[in-house]
Amino acid sequence: MTPLTSKVCVVGDFAVGKTSVVERFVTNQFSDKYLSTV
């Protein structure tokens, strides 16, 4: 089966967890450590 490749744009307010949500769905893991991406 061929892997699915997609492009996704995640938008939202500052410090709401956009990176955490993307990481959860991509790696199937959740990190409770806070690292600012700004």
C-alpha atoms as a PDB file:
ATOM      1  CA  MET A   1       0.000   0.000   0.000  1.00  0.00           C
ATOM      2  CA  THR A   2       1.327   3.445  -0.929  1.00  0.00           C
ATOM      3  CA  PRO A   3       1.806   5.904   1.971  1.00  0.00           C
ATOM      4  CA  LEU A   4      -0.455   8.951   1.956  1.00  0.00           C
ATOM      5  CA  THR A   5       1.305  12.309   1.603  1.00  0.00           C
ATOM      6  CA  SER A   6      -0.542  15.513   2.461  1.00  0.00           C
ATOM      7  CA  LYS A   7       0.110  19.151   3.248  1.00  0.00           C
ATOM      8  CA  VAL A   8      -1.708  20.672   6.198  1.00  0.00           C
ATOM      9  CA  CYS A   9      -1.807  24.269   7.403  1.00  0.00           C
ATOM     10  CA  VAL A  10      -2.648  24.657  11.088  1.00  0.00           C
ATOM     11  CA  VAL A  11      -3.738  28.121  12.200  1.00  0.00           C
ATOM     12  CA  GLY A  12      -4.815  29.490  15.536  1.00  0.00           C
ATOM     13  CA  ASP A  13      -4.018  31.788  18.406  1.00  0.00           C
ATOM     14  CA  PHE A  14      -0.723  31.788  20.272  1.00  0.00           C
ATOM     15  CA  ALA A  15      -0.074  29.073  22.882  1.00  0.00           C
ATOM     16  CA  VAL A  16      -3.155  26.942  22.191  1.00  0.00           C
ATOM     17  CA  GLY A  17      -1.382  23.655  21.375  1.00  0.00           C
ATOM     18  CA  LYS A  18      -1.169  23.570  17.562  1.00  0.00           C
ATOM     19  CA  THR A  19       2.233  21.876  17.604  1.00  0.00           C
ATOM     20  CA  SER A  20       1.095  19.352  20.222  1.00  0.00           C
ATOM     21  CA  VAL A  21      -1.960  18.378  18.160  1.00  0.00           C
ATOM     22  CA  VAL A  22       0.105  17.915  14.988  1.00  0.00           C
ATOM     23  CA  GLU A  23       2.751  15.901  16.852  1.00  0.00           C
ATOM     24  CA  ARG A  24       0.031  13.700  18.371  1.00  0.00           C
ATOM     25  CA  PHE A  25      -1.417  12.766  14.996  1.00  0.00           C
ATOM     26  CA  VAL A  26       1.922  12.425  13.154  1.00  0.00           C
ATOM     27  CA  THR A  27       3.893  10.412  15.735  1.00  0.00           C
ATOM     28  CA  ASN A  28       1.000   9.005  17.802  1.00  0.00           C
ATOM     29  CA  GLN A  29       2.742  10.355  20.907  1.00  0.00           C
ATOM     30  CA  PHE A  30       2.030  13.226  23.269  1.00  0.00           C
ATOM     31  CA  SER A  31       4.703  15.144  25.149  1.00  0.00           C
ATOM     32  CA  ASP A  32       3.701  16.890  28.360  1.00  0.00           C
ATOM     33  CA  LYS A  33       6.888  18.981  28.306  1.00  0.00           C
ATOM     34  CA  TYR A  34       6.274  22.576  27.248  1.00  0.00           C
ATOM     35  CA  LEU A  35       8.673  23.968  24.645  1.00  0.00           C
ATOM     36  CA  SER A  36       7.623  27.229  23.020  1.00  0.00           C
ATOM     37  CA  THR A  37       7.843  27.235  19.204  1.00  0.00           C
ATOM     38  CA  VAL A  38       7.673  31.035  18.932  1.00  0.00           C
END
